[in-house]
């Protein structure tokens, strides 16, 4: 093997080692990003669940407020109660299927 070939082989080995190092770095970064993504998905799911709970609580509060009203807004109270009854009927129908 000539000196030039040895030099080329040495250069090739150096570049190959560097490429392998970069590959390992990218793999580590990929794992880190996947972990971060999963954490963010869990946070998002928790926030969506909390949002749903708050919407339900708000709807219940509106219904309770409507029911607690006296004669001033009887028509609106009847409409809200009718809506709640229809929603309960839909749920029962879905359960019976």
Protein backbone atom coordinates (compact mmCIF):
# COMPACT_ATOMS: atom_id res chain seq x y z
CA UNK A 1 0.00 0.00 0.00
CA UNK A 2 1.40 3.36 -0.97
CA UNK A 3 1.59 6.40 1.26
CA UNK A 4 -1.15 8.07 -0.72
CA UNK A 5 -3.47 5.09 -0.26
CA UNK A 6 -2.69 5.00 3.47
CA UNK A 7 -3.48 8.68 3.71
CA UNK A 8 -6.76 8.20 1.84
CA UNK A 9 -7.66 5.24 4.08
CA UNK A 10 -6.87 7.25 7.18
CA UNK A 11 -8.99 10.15 5.95
CA UNK A 12 -11.81 7.76 5.15
CA UNK A 13 -11.65 6.18 8.62
CA UNK A 14 -11.67 9.61 10.26
CA UNK A 15 -14.68 10.70 8.25
CA UNK A 16 -16.45 7.41 8.96
CA UNK A 17 -15.88 7.78 12.71
CA UNK A 18 -17.17 11.32 12.56
CA UNK A 19 -20.25 10.17 10.65
CA UNK A 20 -20.89 7.44 13.23
CA UNK A 21 -20.57 10.01 16.02
CA UNK A 22 -23.06 12.30 14.29
CA UNK A 23 -25.42 9.37 13.80
CA UNK A 24 -25.31 8.58 17.52
CA UNK A 25 -25.94 12.24 18.36
CA UNK A 26 -28.98 12.33 16.07
CA UNK A 27 -30.32 9.12 17.65
CA UNK A 28 -29.98 10.61 21.16
CA UNK A 29 -31.69 13.80 20.05
CA UNK A 30 -34.48 11.77 18.47
CA UNK A 31 -35.09 9.88 21.72
CA UNK A 32 -35.09 13.14 23.67
CA UNK A 33 -37.58 14.71 21.26
CA UNK A 34 -39.87 11.67 21.37
CA UNK A 35 -39.88 11.85 25.16
CA UNK A 36 -40.64 15.56 25.07
CA UNK A 37 -43.42 15.00 22.55
CA UNK A 38 -45.02 12.33 24.74
CA UNK A 39 -44.86 14.64 27.77
CA UNK A 40 -46.54 17.41 25.79
CA UNK A 41 -49.23 15.00 24.57
CA UNK A 42 -49.96 14.01 28.15
CA UNK A 43 -50.19 17.67 29.17
CA UNK A 44 -52.51 18.37 26.23
CA UNK A 45 -54.75 15.43 27.13
CA UNK A 46 -54.92 16.61 30.73
CA UNK A 47 -55.80 20.14 29.66
CA UNK A 48 -58.50 18.88 27.29
CA UNK A 49 -60.00 16.77 30.06
CA UNK A 50 -59.93 19.75 32.39
CA UNK A 51 -61.58 21.88 29.70
CA UNK A 52 -64.36 19.29 29.31
CA UNK A 53 -64.89 19.23 33.07
CA UNK A 54 -65.09 23.01 33.18
CA UNK A 55 -67.59 23.08 30.32
CA UNK A 56 -69.75 20.54 32.13
CA UNK A 57 -69.51 22.49 35.37
CA UNK A 58 -70.43 25.68 33.55
CA UNK A 59 -73.44 24.03 31.91
CA UNK A 60 -74.53 22.66 35.29
CA UNK A 61 -74.12 26.08 36.88
CA UNK A 62 -76.18 27.68 34.14
CA UNK A 63 -78.89 25.07 34.64
CA UNK A 64 -78.84 25.53 38.41
CA UNK A 65 -79.03 29.30 38.00
CA UNK A 66 -81.92 28.93 35.58
CA UNK A 67 -83.75 26.64 37.98
CA UNK A 68 -83.13 28.90 40.96
CA UNK A 69 -84.66 31.89 39.19
CA UNK A 70 -88.08 32.83 40.37
CA UNK A 71 -90.96 33.89 38.20
CA UNK A 72 -88.89 36.48 36.38
CA UNK A 73 -87.69 34.11 33.65
CA UNK A 74 -89.91 31.05 33.76
CA UNK A 75 -89.97 30.58 29.97
CA UNK A 76 -86.16 30.38 29.70
CA UNK A 77 -86.05 27.99 32.64
CA UNK A 78 -88.61 25.72 30.98
CA UNK A 79 -86.60 25.75 27.74
CA UNK A 80 -83.39 24.82 29.55
CA UNK A 81 -85.10 22.04 31.47
CA UNK A 82 -86.58 20.73 28.23
CA UNK A 83 -83.12 20.76 26.66
CA UNK A 84 -81.70 18.83 29.62
CA UNK A 85 -84.51 16.27 29.42
CA UNK A 86 -83.85 15.80 25.68
CA UNK A 87 -80.14 15.29 26.37
CA UNK A 88 -80.93 12.70 29.05
CA UNK A 89 -83.34 10.96 26.65
CA UNK A 90 -80.62 10.84 23.97
CA UNK A 91 -78.18 9.35 26.46
CA UNK A 92 -80.69 6.72 27.52
CA UNK A 93 -81.41 5.89 23.86
CA UNK A 94 -77.68 5.48 23.21
CA UNK A 95 -77.32 3.20 26.22
CA UNK A 96 -80.23 1.05 25.03
CA UNK A 97 -78.68 0.47 21.60
